PDB file of N, CA and C in Angstrom:
ATOM      1  N   MET A   1     168.846 121.400  31.804  1.00  0.00           N
ATOM      2  CA  MET A   1     167.721 120.574  32.686  1.00  0.00           C
ATOM      3  C   MET A   1     167.606 121.378  33.880  1.00  0.00           C
ATOM      4  N   LEU A   2     168.808 121.876  34.639  1.00  0.00           N
ATOM      5  CA  LEU A   2     168.712 122.429  35.745  1.00  0.00           C
ATOM      6  C   LEU A   2     168.085 123.775  35.628  1.00  0.00           C
ATOM      7  N   ALA A   3     168.147 124.436  34.474  1.00  0.00           N
ATOM      8  CA  ALA A   3     167.350 125.748  34.321  1.00  0.00           C
ATOM      9  C   ALA A   3     165.810 125.428  34.374  1.00  0.00           C
ATOM     10  N   LYS A   4     165.417 124.140  33.727  1.00  0.00           N
ATOM     11  CA  LYS A   4     163.911 123.977  33.846  1.00  0.00           C
ATOM     12  C   LYS A   4     163.563 123.769  35.477  1.00  0.00           C
ATOM     13  N   VAL A   5     164.471 123.156  36.187  1.00  0.00           N
ATOM     14  CA  VAL A   5     164.186 123.021  37.576  1.00  0.00           C
ATOM     15  C   VAL A   5     164.069 124.315  38.363  1.00  0.00           C
ATOM     16  N   ALA A   6     164.960 125.123  38.071  1.00  0.00           N
ATOM     17  CA  ALA A   6     164.950 126.557  38.579  1.00  0.00           C
ATOM     18  C   ALA A   6     163.680 127.302  38.152  1.00  0.00           C
ATOM     19  N   ALA A   7     163.280 127.147  36.950  1.00  0.00           N
ATOM     20  CA  ALA A   7     162.093 127.789  36.459  1.00  0.00           C
ATOM     21  C   ALA A   7     160.747 127.316  37.069  1.00  0.00           C
ATOM     22  N   GLU A   8     160.686 125.939  37.295  1.00  0.00           N
ATOM     23  CA  GLU A   8     159.693 125.340  38.005  1.00  0.00           C
ATOM     24  C   GLU A   8     159.692 125.763  39.497  1.00  0.00           C
ATOM     25  N   ARG A   9     160.735 125.907  40.121  1.00  0.00           N
ATOM     26  CA  ARG A   9     160.792 126.352  41.438  1.00  0.00           C
ATOM     27  C   ARG A   9     160.286 127.756  41.687  1.00  0.00           C
ATOM     28  N   ALA A  10     160.673 128.690  40.651  1.00  0.00           N
ATOM     29  CA  ALA A  10     160.180 129.993  40.581  1.00  0.00           C
ATOM     30  C   ALA A  10     158.699 130.013  40.410  1.00  0.00           C
ATOM     31  N   ARG A  11     158.223 129.201  39.717  1.00  0.00           N
ATOM     32  CA  ARG A  11     156.666 128.994  39.425  1.00  0.00           C
ATOM     33  C   ARG A  11     156.084 128.559  40.692  1.00  0.00           C
ATOM     34  N   GLN A  12     156.580 127.513  41.429  1.00  0.00           N
ATOM     35  CA  GLN A  12     156.044 127.059  42.598  1.00  0.00           C
ATOM     36  C   GLN A  12     156.102 128.142  43.668  1.00  0.00           C
ATOM     37  N   ASP A  13     157.156 128.991  43.814  1.00  0.00           N
ATOM     38  CA  ASP A  13     157.204 129.976  44.805  1.00  0.00           C
ATOM     39  C   ASP A  13     156.048 131.016  44.667  1.00  0.00           C
ATOM     40  N   ALA A  14     156.014 131.295  43.221  1.00  0.00           N
ATOM     41  CA  ALA A  14     154.951 132.405  42.824  1.00  0.00           C
ATOM     42  C   ALA A  14     153.547 131.917  43.262  1.00  0.00           C
ATOM     43  N   LEU A  15     153.311 130.580  43.081  1.00  0.00           N
ATOM     44  CA  LEU A  15     152.052 130.004  43.174  1.00  0.00           C
ATOM     45  C   LEU A  15     151.678 129.694  44.770  1.00  0.00           C
ATOM     46  N   TRP A  16     152.620 129.084  45.381  1.00  0.00           N
ATOM     47  CA  TRP A  16     152.390 128.751  46.715  1.00  0.00           C
ATOM     48  C   TRP A  16     153.113 129.581  47.815  1.00  0.00           C
ATOM     49  N   GLY A  17     154.054 130.461  47.508  1.00  0.00           N
ATOM     50  CA  GLY A  17     154.932 131.102  48.421  1.00  0.00           C
ATOM     51  C   GLY A  17     156.009 130.056  49.125  1.00  0.00           C
ATOM     52  N   GLU A  18     156.647 130.589  50.168  1.00  0.00           N
ATOM     53  CA  GLU A  18     157.694 129.711  50.924  1.00  0.00           C
ATOM     54  C   GLU A  18     156.763 128.586  51.431  1.00  0.00           C
ATOM     55  N   GLN A  19     157.215 127.298  51.310  1.00  0.00           N
ATOM     56  CA  GLN A  19     156.475 126.115  51.735  1.00  0.00           C
ATOM     57  C   GLN A  19     157.365 125.477  52.909  1.00  0.00           C
ATOM     58  N   ASN A  20     156.757 125.189  54.025  1.00  0.00           N
ATOM     59  CA  ASN A  20     157.389 124.610  55.190  1.00  0.00           C
ATOM     60  C   ASN A  20     156.465 123.498  55.777  1.00  0.00           C
ATOM     61  N   HIS A  21     156.294 122.494  55.156  1.00  0.00           N
ATOM     62  CA  HIS A  21     155.495 121.451  55.533  1.00  0.00           C
ATOM     63  C   HIS A  21     156.231 120.292  56.455  1.00  0.00           C
ATOM     64  N   PRO A  22     155.585 119.510  57.124  1.00  0.00           N
ATOM     65  CA  PRO A  22     156.192 118.314  57.744  1.00  0.00           C
ATOM     66  C   PRO A  22     156.634 117.336  56.584  1.00  0.00           C
ATOM     67  N   ASP A  23     157.546 116.512  56.901  1.00  0.00           N
ATOM     68  CA  ASP A  23     158.094 115.566  55.867  1.00  0.00           C
ATOM     69  C   ASP A  23     157.160 114.417  55.607  1.00  0.00           C
ATOM     70  N   GLY A  24     156.376 114.030  56.695  1.00  0.00           N
ATOM     71  CA  GLY A  24     155.485 112.857  56.421  1.00  0.00           C
ATOM     72  C   GLY A  24     156.060 111.692  56.111  1.00  0.00           C
ATOM     73  N   THR A  25     157.279 111.391  56.487  1.00  0.00           N
ATOM     74  CA  THR A  25     157.966 110.065  56.044  1.00  0.00           C
ATOM     75  C   THR A  25     158.294 109.313  57.298  1.00  0.00           C
ATOM     76  N   GLY A  26     158.732 108.076  57.361  1.00  0.00           N
ATOM     77  CA  GLY A  26     159.167 107.199  58.257  1.00  0.00           C
ATOM     78  C   GLY A  26     158.758 105.875  58.105  1.00  0.00           C
ATOM     79  N   PRO A  27     159.312 104.881  58.887  1.00  0.00           N
ATOM     80  CA  PRO A  27     159.133 103.443  58.642  1.00  0.00           C
ATOM     81  C   PRO A  27     157.728 102.995  58.775  1.00  0.00           C
ATOM     82  N   ASP A  28     156.890 103.561  59.465  1.00  0.00           N
ATOM     83  CA  ASP A  28     155.482 103.183  59.583  1.00  0.00           C
ATOM     84  C   ASP A  28     154.564 104.059  58.648  1.00  0.00           C
ATOM     85  N   VAL A  29     154.956 104.916  57.768  1.00  0.00           N
ATOM     86  CA  VAL A  29     154.180 105.644  56.992  1.00  0.00           C
ATOM     87  C   VAL A  29     153.706 104.728  55.829  1.00  0.00           C
ATOM     88  N   GLU A  30     152.357 104.606  55.553  1.00  0.00           N
ATOM     89  CA  GLU A  30     151.736 103.915  54.471  1.00  0.00           C
ATOM     90  C   GLU A  30     151.938 104.658  53.219  1.00  0.00           C
ATOM     91  N   LEU A  31     152.704 104.078  52.213  1.00  0.00           N
ATOM     92  CA  LEU A  31     152.899 104.798  51.030  1.00  0.00           C
ATOM     93  C   LEU A  31     151.633 104.189  50.054  1.00  0.00           C
ATOM     94  N   THR A  32     151.456 103.053  49.857  1.00  0.00           N
ATOM     95  CA  THR A  32     150.368 102.640  48.965  1.00  0.00           C
ATOM     96  C   THR A  32     149.757 101.253  49.683  1.00  0.00           C
ATOM     97  N   GLY A  33     148.568 101.303  49.758  1.00  0.00           N
ATOM     98  CA  GLY A  33     147.759 100.090  50.451  1.00  0.00           C
ATOM     99  C   GLY A  33     147.763  98.991  49.668  1.00  0.00           C
ATOM    100  N   LEU A  34     147.374  99.085  48.397  1.00  0.00           N
ATOM    101  CA  LEU A  34     147.366  98.053  47.459  1.00  0.00           C
ATOM    102  C   LEU A  34     147.997  98.334  46.076  1.00  0.00           C
ATOM    103  N   LEU A  35     148.727  97.419  45.554  1.00  0.00           N
ATOM    104  CA  LEU A  35     149.043  97.647  44.191  1.00  0.00           C
ATOM    105  C   LEU A  35     148.056  98.063  43.196  1.00  0.00           C
ATOM    106  N   ARG A  36     148.220  98.981  42.422  1.00  0.00           N
ATOM    107  CA  ARG A  36     147.057  99.473  41.401  1.00  0.00           C
ATOM    108  C   ARG A  36     147.704 100.091  40.282  1.00  0.00           C
ATOM    109  N   ARG A  37     146.964 100.332  39.437  1.00  0.00           N
ATOM    110  CA  ARG A  37     147.494 101.018  37.959  1.00  0.00           C
ATOM    111  C   ARG A  37     147.970 102.391  38.381  1.00  0.00           C
ATOM    112  N   ALA A  38     149.015 102.826  37.656  1.00  0.00           N
ATOM    113  CA  ALA A  38     149.561 104.117  37.934  1.00  0.00           C
ATOM    114  C   ALA A  38     148.714 105.274  37.746  1.00  0.00           C
ATOM    115  N   ALA A  39     147.607 105.196  36.780  1.00  0.00           N
ATOM    116  CA  ALA A  39     146.619 106.212  36.712  1.00  0.00           C
ATOM    117  C   ALA A  39     145.741 106.328  38.061  1.00  0.00           C
ATOM    118  N   ASP A  40     145.353 105.172  38.473  1.00  0.00           N
ATOM    119  CA  ASP A  40     144.614 105.150  39.745  1.00  0.00           C
ATOM    120  C   ASP A  40     145.346 105.681  40.830  1.00  0.00           C
ATOM    121  N   ALA A  41     146.761 105.220  41.003  1.00  0.00           N
ATOM    122  CA  ALA A  41     147.592 105.836  42.116  1.00  0.00           C
ATOM    123  C   ALA A  41     147.669 107.386  42.000  1.00  0.00           C
ATOM    124  N   ALA A  42     147.777 107.795  40.807  1.00  0.00           N
ATOM    125  CA  ALA A  42     148.074 109.188  40.511  1.00  0.00           C
ATOM    126  C   ALA A  42     146.742 109.958  40.893  1.00  0.00           C
ATOM    127  N   HIS A  43     145.659 109.478  40.521  1.00  0.00           N
ATOM    128  CA  HIS A  43     144.303 109.973  40.875  1.00  0.00           C
ATOM    129  C   HIS A  43     144.298 109.927  42.421  1.00  0.00           C
ATOM    130  N   THR A  44     144.420 108.941  43.108  1.00  0.00           N
ATOM    131  CA  THR A  44     144.380 108.828  44.467  1.00  0.00           C
ATOM    132  C   THR A  44     145.400 109.765  45.366  1.00  0.00           C
ATOM    133  N   ALA A  45     146.512 109.935  44.679  1.00  0.00           N
ATOM    134  CA  ALA A  45     147.426 110.891  45.211  1.00  0.00           C
ATOM    135  C   ALA A  45     147.022 112.289  45.202  1.00  0.00           C
ATOM    136  N   ARG A  46     146.462 112.592  44.060  1.00  0.00           N
ATOM    137  CA  ARG A  46     145.902 113.983  43.898  1.00  0.00           C
ATOM    138  C   ARG A  46     144.865 114.239  44.910  1.00  0.00           C
ATOM    139  N   PHE A  47     143.839 113.143  45.026  1.00  0.00           N
ATOM    140  CA  PHE A  47     142.831 113.374  46.007  1.00  0.00           C
ATOM    141  C   PHE A  47     143.236 113.570  47.377  1.00  0.00           C
ATOM    142  N   THR A  48     144.221 112.567  47.820  1.00  0.00           N
ATOM    143  CA  THR A  48     144.619 112.768  49.356  1.00  0.00           C
ATOM    144  C   THR A  48     145.395 113.949  49.444  1.00  0.00           C
ATOM    145  N   THR A  49     146.094 114.457  48.467  1.00  0.00           N
ATOM    146  CA  THR A  49     146.850 115.647  48.689  1.00  0.00           C
ATOM    147  C   THR A  49     145.930 116.883  48.832  1.00  0.00           C
ATOM    148  N   GLU A  50     144.818 116.944  48.077  1.00  0.00           N
ATOM    149  CA  GLU A  50     143.791 118.099  48.155  1.00  0.00           C
ATOM    150  C   GLU A  50     142.980 117.908  49.562  1.00  0.00           C
ATOM    151  N   MET A  51     142.773 116.567  49.934  1.00  0.00           N
ATOM    152  CA  MET A  51     142.069 116.393  51.243  1.00  0.00           C
ATOM    153  C   MET A  51     143.077 116.938  52.447  1.00  0.00           C
ATOM    154  N   ALA A  52     144.324 116.536  52.304  1.00  0.00           N
ATOM    155  CA  ALA A  52     145.292 116.924  53.347  1.00  0.00           C
ATOM    156  C   ALA A  52     145.209 118.474  53.348  1.00  0.00           C
ATOM    157  N   ARG A  53     145.389 119.122  52.289  1.00  0.00           N
ATOM    158  CA  ARG A  53     145.522 120.682  52.104  1.00  0.00           C
ATOM    159  C   ARG A  53     144.256 121.130  52.855  1.00  0.00           C
ATOM    160  N   ALA A  54     143.195 120.680  52.375  1.00  0.00           N
ATOM    161  CA  ALA A  54     141.882 121.292  52.879  1.00  0.00           C
ATOM    162  C   ALA A  54     141.657 121.013  54.412  1.00  0.00           C
ATOM    163  N   GLU A  55     142.264 119.952  54.946  1.00  0.00           N
ATOM    164  CA  GLU A  55     142.110 119.683  56.405  1.00  0.00           C
ATOM    165  C   GLU A  55     143.255 120.278  57.192  1.00  0.00           C
ATOM    166  N   GLY A  56     144.177 120.858  56.471  1.00  0.00           N
ATOM    167  CA  GLY A  56     145.305 121.561  57.225  1.00  0.00           C
ATOM    168  C   GLY A  56     146.368 120.643  57.749  1.00  0.00           C
ATOM    169  N   ARG A  57     146.500 119.394  57.054  1.00  0.00           N
ATOM    170  CA  ARG A  57     147.568 118.506  57.486  1.00  0.00           C
ATOM    171  C   ARG A  57     148.320 117.987  56.416  1.00  0.00           C
ATOM    172  N   LEU A  58     148.678 118.981  55.431  1.00  0.00           N
ATOM    173  CA  LEU A  58     149.439 118.828  54.220  1.00  0.00           C
ATOM    174  C   LEU A  58     150.838 118.563  54.668  1.00  0.00           C
ATOM    175  N   THR A  59     151.587 117.442  54.176  1.00  0.00           N
ATOM    176  CA  THR A  59     152.941 117.245  54.317  1.00  0.00           C
ATOM    177  C   THR A  59     153.604 117.117  52.921  1.00  0.00           C
ATOM    178  N   TRP A  60     155.061 117.149  52.935  1.00  0.00           N
ATOM    179  CA  TRP A  60     155.867 116.979  51.803  1.00  0.00           C
ATOM    180  C   TRP A  60     155.638 115.654  51.308  1.00  0.00           C
ATOM    181  N   LEU A  61     155.384 114.618  52.040  1.00  0.00           N
ATOM    182  CA  LEU A  61     155.142 113.425  51.472  1.00  0.00           C
ATOM    183  C   LEU A  61     154.007 113.486  50.388  1.00  0.00           C
ATOM    184  N   HIS A  62     152.965 113.973  50.973  1.00  0.00           N
ATOM    185  CA  HIS A  62     151.654 114.143  50.020  1.00  0.00           C
ATOM    186  C   HIS A  62     152.162 114.872  48.629  1.00  0.00           C
ATOM    187  N   ILE A  63     152.835 115.962  48.780  1.00  0.00           N
ATOM    188  CA  ILE A  63     153.106 116.831  47.638  1.00  0.00           C
ATOM    189  C   ILE A  63     153.969 115.986  46.737  1.00  0.00           C
ATOM    190  N   LEU A  64     155.160 115.560  47.257  1.00  0.00           N
ATOM    191  CA  LEU A  64     156.028 114.828  46.295  1.00  0.00           C
ATOM    192  C   LEU A  64     155.502 113.403  45.748  1.00  0.00           C
ATOM    193  N   ARG A  65     154.714 112.786  46.586  1.00  0.00           N
ATOM    194  CA  ARG A  65     154.114 111.651  46.085  1.00  0.00           C
ATOM    195  C   ARG A  65     153.192 111.813  44.938  1.00  0.00           C
ATOM    196  N   GLU A  66     152.426 112.899  45.040  1.00  0.00           N
ATOM    197  CA  GLU A  66     151.479 113.240  43.986  1.00  0.00           C
ATOM    198  C   GLU A  66     152.262 113.453  42.693  1.00  0.00           C
ATOM    199  N   GLU A  67     153.332 114.239  42.758  1.00  0.00           N
ATOM    200  CA  GLU A  67     154.200 114.583  41.661  1.00  0.00           C
ATOM    201  C   GLU A  67     154.831 113.266  40.959  1.00  0.00           C
ATOM    202  N   VAL A  68     155.261 112.393  41.784  1.00  0.00           N
ATOM    203  CA  VAL A  68     155.900 111.145  41.301  1.00  0.00           C
ATOM    204  C   VAL A  68     154.865 110.268  40.745  1.00  0.00           C
ATOM    205  N   TYR A  69     153.670 110.151  41.338  1.00  0.00           N
ATOM    206  CA  TYR A  69     152.730 109.225  40.753  1.00  0.00           C
ATOM    207  C   TYR A  69     152.151 109.683  39.390  1.00  0.00           C
ATOM    208  N   GLU A  70     151.891 111.111  39.306  1.00  0.00           N
ATOM    209  CA  GLU A  70     151.620 111.668  38.047  1.00  0.00           C
ATOM    210  C   GLU A  70     152.616 111.330  36.992  1.00  0.00           C
ATOM    211  N   GLY A  71     153.867 111.417  37.356  1.00  0.00           N
ATOM    212  CA  GLY A  71     154.912 110.978  36.405  1.00  0.00           C
ATOM    213  C   GLY A  71     154.800 109.513  35.995  1.00  0.00           C
ATOM    214  N   PHE A  72     154.585 108.567  36.943  1.00  0.00           N
ATOM    215  CA  PHE A  72     154.418 107.292  36.697  1.00  0.00           C
ATOM    216  C   PHE A  72     153.232 107.043  35.766  1.00  0.00           C
ATOM    217  N   ALA A  73     152.212 107.713  35.926  1.00  0.00           N
ATOM    218  CA  ALA A  73     151.031 107.649  34.988  1.00  0.00           C
ATOM    219  C   ALA A  73     151.089 108.082  33.636  1.00  0.00           C
ATOM    220  N   GLU A  74     152.210 108.869  33.326  1.00  0.00           N
ATOM    221  CA  GLU A  74     152.343 109.598  32.145  1.00  0.00           C
ATOM    222  C   GLU A  74     152.899 108.629  31.000  1.00  0.00           C
ATOM    223  N   HIS A  75     152.113 108.545  29.867  1.00  0.00           N
ATOM    224  CA  HIS A  75     152.529 107.826  28.629  1.00  0.00           C
ATOM    225  C   HIS A  75     153.281 108.587  27.653  1.00  0.00           C
ATOM    226  N   ASP A  76     152.860 109.789  27.639  1.00  0.00           N
ATOM    227  CA  ASP A  76     153.422 110.759  26.499  1.00  0.00           C
ATOM    228  C   ASP A  76     154.897 111.256  27.087  1.00  0.00           C
ATOM    229  N   VAL A  77     155.802 111.119  26.290  1.00  0.00           N
ATOM    230  CA  VAL A  77     157.262 111.340  26.740  1.00  0.00           C
ATOM    231  C   VAL A  77     157.476 112.709  27.133  1.00  0.00           C
ATOM    232  N   ALA A  78     156.966 113.616  26.260  1.00  0.00           N
ATOM    233  CA  ALA A  78     157.073 115.130  26.665  1.00  0.00           C
ATOM    234  C   ALA A  78     156.452 115.540  27.836  1.00  0.00           C
ATOM    235  N   ALA A  79     155.217 115.004  28.163  1.00  0.00           N
ATOM    236  CA  ALA A  79     154.504 115.175  29.398  1.00  0.00           C
ATOM    237  C   ALA A  79     155.351 114.519  30.590  1.00  0.00           C
ATOM    238  N   LEU A  80     155.900 113.389  30.310  1.00  0.00           N
ATOM    239  CA  LEU A  80     156.650 112.592  31.444  1.00  0.00           C
ATOM    240  C   LEU A  80     157.774 113.449  31.798  1.00  0.00           C
ATOM    241  N   ALA A  81     158.508 114.055  30.764  1.00  0.00           N
ATOM    242  CA  ALA A  81     159.727 114.851  31.124  1.00  0.00           C
ATOM    243  C   ALA A  81     159.328 116.062  31.918  1.00  0.00           C
ATOM    244  N   ASP A  82     158.131 116.746  31.479  1.00  0.00           N
ATOM    245  CA  ASP A  82     157.667 117.832  32.405  1.00  0.00           C
ATOM    246  C   ASP A  82     157.419 117.455  33.789  1.00  0.00           C
ATOM    247  N   GLU A  83     156.775 116.199  33.981  1.00  0.00           N
ATOM    248  CA  GLU A  83     156.490 115.757  35.242  1.00  0.00           C
ATOM    249  C   GLU A  83     157.722 115.472  36.069  1.00  0.00           C
ATOM    250  N   LEU A  84     158.756 115.036  35.371  1.00  0.00           N
ATOM    251  CA  LEU A  84     159.967 114.771  36.227  1.00  0.00           C
ATOM    252  C   LEU A  84     160.599 116.026  36.684  1.00  0.00           C
ATOM    253  N   VAL A  85     160.564 117.100  35.788  1.00  0.00           N
ATOM    254  CA  VAL A  85     161.034 118.380  36.104  1.00  0.00           C
ATOM    255  C   VAL A  85     160.343 118.772  37.355  1.00  0.00           C
ATOM    256  N   GLN A  86     158.970 118.597  37.572  1.00  0.00           N
ATOM    257  CA  GLN A  86     158.207 118.984  38.678  1.00  0.00           C
ATOM    258  C   GLN A  86     158.663 118.207  39.844  1.00  0.00           C
ATOM    259  N   VAL A  87     158.941 116.924  39.562  1.00  0.00           N
ATOM    260  CA  VAL A  87     159.401 116.082  40.745  1.00  0.00           C
ATOM    261  C   VAL A  87     160.685 116.671  41.234  1.00  0.00           C
ATOM    262  N   ALA A  88     161.621 116.945  40.352  1.00  0.00           N
ATOM    263  CA  ALA A  88     162.919 117.508  40.775  1.00  0.00           C
ATOM    264  C   ALA A  88     162.810 118.753  41.547  1.00  0.00           C
ATOM    265  N   ALA A  89     161.938 119.669  40.948  1.00  0.00           N
ATOM    266  CA  ALA A  89     161.772 120.998  41.652  1.00  0.00           C
ATOM    267  C   ALA A  89     161.090 120.797  43.018  1.00  0.00           C
ATOM    268  N   THR A  90     160.163 119.882  43.095  1.00  0.00           N
ATOM    269  CA  THR A  90     159.541 119.728  44.496  1.00  0.00           C
ATOM    270  C   THR A  90     160.313 119.060  45.402  1.00  0.00           C
ATOM    271  N   ALA A  91     161.322 118.100  44.978  1.00  0.00           N
ATOM    272  CA  ALA A  91     162.344 117.540  46.054  1.00  0.00           C
ATOM    273  C   ALA A  91     163.302 118.643  46.406  1.00  0.00           C
ATOM    274  N   VAL A  92     163.728 119.531  45.591  1.00  0.00           N
ATOM    275  CA  VAL A  92     164.518 120.567  45.813  1.00  0.00           C
ATOM    276  C   VAL A  92     163.846 121.453  46.859  1.00  0.00           C
ATOM    277  N   CYS A  93     162.587 121.795  46.604  1.00  0.00           N
ATOM    278  CA  CYS A  93     161.846 122.652  47.615  1.00  0.00           C
ATOM    279  C   CYS A  93     161.749 122.025  48.997  1.00  0.00           C
ATOM    280  N   TRP A  94     161.536 120.769  48.913  1.00  0.00           N
ATOM    281  CA  TRP A  94     161.602 119.934  50.258  1.00  0.00           C
ATOM    282  C   TRP A  94     163.050 120.080  50.962  1.00  0.00           C
ATOM    283  N   ALA A  95     163.951 119.828  50.134  1.00  0.00           N
ATOM    284  CA  ALA A  95     165.234 119.878  50.825  1.00  0.00           C
ATOM    285  C   ALA A  95     165.605 121.324  51.275  1.00  0.00           C
ATOM    286  N   GLU A  96     165.142 122.404  50.526  1.00  0.00           N
ATOM    287  CA  GLU A  96     165.277 123.828  51.052  1.00  0.00           C
ATOM    288  C   GLU A  96     164.529 123.942  52.310  1.00  0.00           C
ATOM    289  N   ALA A  97     163.401 123.394  52.397  1.00  0.00           N
ATOM    290  CA  ALA A  97     162.564 123.454  53.789  1.00  0.00           C
ATOM    291  C   ALA A  97     163.339 122.765  54.912  1.00  0.00           C
ATOM    292  N   ILE A  98     163.991 121.759  54.641  1.00  0.00           N
ATOM    293  CA  ILE A  98     164.724 120.861  55.759  1.00  0.00           C
ATOM    294  C   ILE A  98     165.914 121.903  56.117  1.00  0.00           C
ATOM    295  N   GLU A  99     166.645 122.465  55.275  1.00  0.00           N
ATOM    296  CA  GLU A  99     167.719 123.278  55.467  1.00  0.00           C
ATOM    297  C   GLU A  99     167.287 124.532  56.364  1.00  0.00           C
ATOM    298  N   ARG A 100     166.215 125.067  55.917  1.00  0.00           N
ATOM    299  CA  ARG A 100     165.774 126.180  56.738  1.00  0.00           C
ATOM    300  C   ARG A 100     165.261 125.853  58.237  1.00  0.00           C
ATOM    301  N   ARG A 101     164.692 124.616  58.188  1.00  0.00           N
ATOM    302  CA  ARG A 101     164.324 124.149  59.371  1.00  0.00           C
ATOM    303  C   ARG A 101     165.563 123.724  60.404  1.00  0.00           C
ATOM    304  N   THR A 102     166.580 123.056  59.823  1.00  0.00           N
ATOM    305  CA  THR A 102     167.738 122.785  60.580  1.00  0.00           C
ATOM    306  C   THR A 102     168.542 123.912  60.966  1.00  0.00           C
ATOM    307  N   ARG A 103     168.494 124.993  60.186  1.00  0.00           N
ATOM    308  CA  ARG A 103     169.205 126.198  60.635  1.00  0.00           C
ATOM    309  C   ARG A 103     168.604 126.845  61.748  1.00  0.00           C
ATOM    310  N   ARG A 104     167.280 126.798  61.676  1.00  0.00           N
ATOM    311  CA  ARG A 104     166.452 127.323  62.810  1.00  0.00           C
ATOM    312  C   ARG A 104     166.741 126.659  64.165  1.00  0.00           C
ATOM    313  N   THR A 105     166.686 125.312  64.131  1.00  0.00           N
ATOM    314  CA  THR A 105     166.620 124.637  65.278  1.00  0.00           C
ATOM    315  C   THR A 105     168.154 124.163  65.659  1.00  0.00           C
ATOM    316  N   GLY A 106     169.029 124.126  64.593  1.00  0.00           N
ATOM    317  CA  GLY A 106     170.332 123.738  64.920  1.00  0.00           C
ATOM    318  C   GLY A 106     170.541 122.099  65.021  1.00  0.00           C
ATOM    319  N   ARG A 107     169.423 121.463  64.527  1.00  0.00           N
ATOM    320  CA  ARG A 107     169.425 120.024  64.483  1.00  0.00           C
ATOM    321  C   ARG A 107     169.454 119.529  63.198  1.00  0.00           C
ATOM    322  N   GLY A 108     169.835 118.320  62.904  1.00  0.00           N
ATOM    323  CA  GLY A 108     169.909 117.721  61.671  1.00  0.00           C
ATOM    324  C   GLY A 108     168.717 116.778  61.444  1.00  0.00           C
TER     325      GLY A 108
END
């Protein structure tokens, strides 16, 4: 399984390069306005991620939320497993960005 995560990380790096986005988290961040079907939430997450990317305000919250919601919307077990590998790889990528940022600033 970890080899799959490593392969997905390599794919992400090849596609996007080194990623260093803001976290986009905190107690006042709205995660979901209304409860909705997983498919609707996944569609909305994809849309808001693309809008944030286009507007130059993309954060890690956008990226990971999209991956998680896509997994939540998957019915096919094999596709769900693939989505979860993407979730894990994206979470690792975010953690790597935090480590780089804290090494540069000396803050946690």
